[in-house]
Amino acid sequence: MKLGFRQGVISAVVFGVVLLGLTSIDPRVHDRFVELVHGGGGMSPLGDRLGDLGTALWTAARYQSIENAPLLVFAAVGTLLTLFMLKS
């Protein structure tokens, strides 16, 4: 595989894991994700549902990072070190 394609796949997988983690932890994100997947139960356009999900994700990430700052720093440093280890 080309290096750029492989990094893109890794980025997509990491985004999916973060989304899954926030979806399982934060009830606001879970509700917005269910609305997105199941059609929102009404006539709301897909763009509006995606915007609501993005807002809920951003809010959840901000509050989770404030409440769990030491864990967030540890996870970020661990991820960077793992990526550097795999790259070399």
Protein backbone atom coordinates (compact mmCIF):
# COMPACT_ATOMS: atom_id res chain seq x y z
CA MET A 1 0.00 0.00 0.00
CA LYS A 2 1.11 3.53 -0.60
CA LEU A 3 2.07 5.49 2.50
CA GLY A 4 -0.56 8.23 1.95
CA PHE A 5 -3.39 5.74 1.52
CA ARG A 6 -2.32 3.80 4.60
CA GLN A 7 -2.21 6.97 6.71
CA GLY A 8 -5.68 7.90 5.45
CA VAL A 9 -7.04 4.52 6.45
CA ILE A 10 -5.41 4.78 9.88
CA SER A 11 -6.91 8.26 10.35
CA ALA A 12 -10.38 7.00 9.40
CA VAL A 13 -10.09 4.07 11.81
CA VAL A 14 -8.94 6.35 14.65
CA PHE A 15 -11.84 8.72 13.94
CA GLY A 16 -14.24 5.78 14.03
CA VAL A 17 -12.86 4.60 17.36
CA VAL A 18 -13.18 8.08 18.86
CA LEU A 19 -16.74 8.37 17.52
CA LEU A 20 -17.62 4.96 18.94
CA GLY A 21 -16.10 5.86 22.30
CA LEU A 22 -17.95 9.17 22.54
CA THR A 23 -21.15 7.52 21.35
CA SER A 24 -20.98 4.90 24.05
CA ILE A 25 -20.10 7.38 26.81
CA ASP A 26 -22.04 10.59 26.16
CA PRO A 27 -25.84 10.34 25.93
CA ARG A 28 -26.11 13.51 23.79
CA VAL A 29 -23.81 12.08 21.14
CA HIS A 30 -25.60 8.73 21.33
CA ASP A 31 -28.98 10.40 20.72
CA ARG A 32 -27.68 12.42 17.74
CA PHE A 33 -25.97 9.36 16.25
CA VAL A 34 -29.17 7.32 16.52
CA GLU A 35 -31.10 10.17 14.87
CA LEU A 36 -28.58 10.26 12.04
CA VAL A 37 -28.65 6.51 11.44
CA HIS A 38 -32.42 6.06 11.74
CA GLY A 39 -33.44 9.11 9.75
CA GLY A 40 -34.22 11.49 12.59
CA GLY A 41 -37.85 10.42 12.88
CA GLY A 42 -39.00 13.27 10.67
CA MET A 43 -38.29 15.39 7.67
CA SER A 44 -35.03 16.96 8.83
CA PRO A 45 -32.36 17.06 6.10
CA LEU A 46 -29.21 14.96 6.39
CA GLY A 47 -27.06 18.11 6.61
CA ASP A 48 -28.93 19.32 9.68
CA ARG A 49 -28.58 15.93 11.37
CA LEU A 50 -24.85 15.85 10.56
CA GLY A 51 -24.48 19.37 11.95
CA ASP A 52 -26.25 18.35 15.16
CA LEU A 53 -24.01 15.29 15.46
CA GLY A 54 -20.90 17.43 14.89
CA THR A 55 -22.00 19.91 17.54
CA ALA A 56 -22.72 17.11 20.02
CA LEU A 57 -19.33 15.50 19.26
CA TRP A 58 -17.50 18.80 19.74
CA THR A 59 -19.30 19.50 23.02
CA ALA A 60 -18.68 15.97 24.32
CA ALA A 61 -15.01 16.06 23.34
CA ARG A 62 -14.57 19.44 25.04
CA TYR A 63 -16.23 18.34 28.30
CA GLN A 64 -14.53 14.94 28.33
CA SER A 65 -11.14 16.57 27.76
CA ILE A 66 -11.72 19.05 30.59
CA GLU A 67 -12.91 16.39 33.04
CA ASN A 68 -10.30 13.80 32.07
CA ALA A 69 -7.32 15.99 31.18
CA PRO A 70 -4.59 13.68 32.58
CA LEU A 71 -6.05 10.67 30.77
CA LEU A 72 -6.37 12.69 27.56
CA VAL A 73 -2.72 13.78 27.71
CA PHE A 74 -1.61 10.20 28.39
CA ALA A 75 -3.69 8.85 25.48
CA ALA A 76 -2.44 11.56 23.09
CA VAL A 77 1.22 10.99 23.97
CA GLY A 78 0.77 7.22 23.79
CA THR A 79 -0.84 7.49 20.35
CA LEU A 80 1.93 9.73 19.04
CA LEU A 81 4.64 7.45 20.38
CA THR A 82 2.94 4.41 18.86
CA LEU A 83 2.64 6.12 15.48
CA PHE A 84 6.30 7.17 15.57
CA MET A 85 7.30 3.63 16.56
CA LEU A 86 5.30 2.11 13.69
CA LYS A 87 6.67 4.65 11.21
CA SER A 88 10.32 3.88 11.91
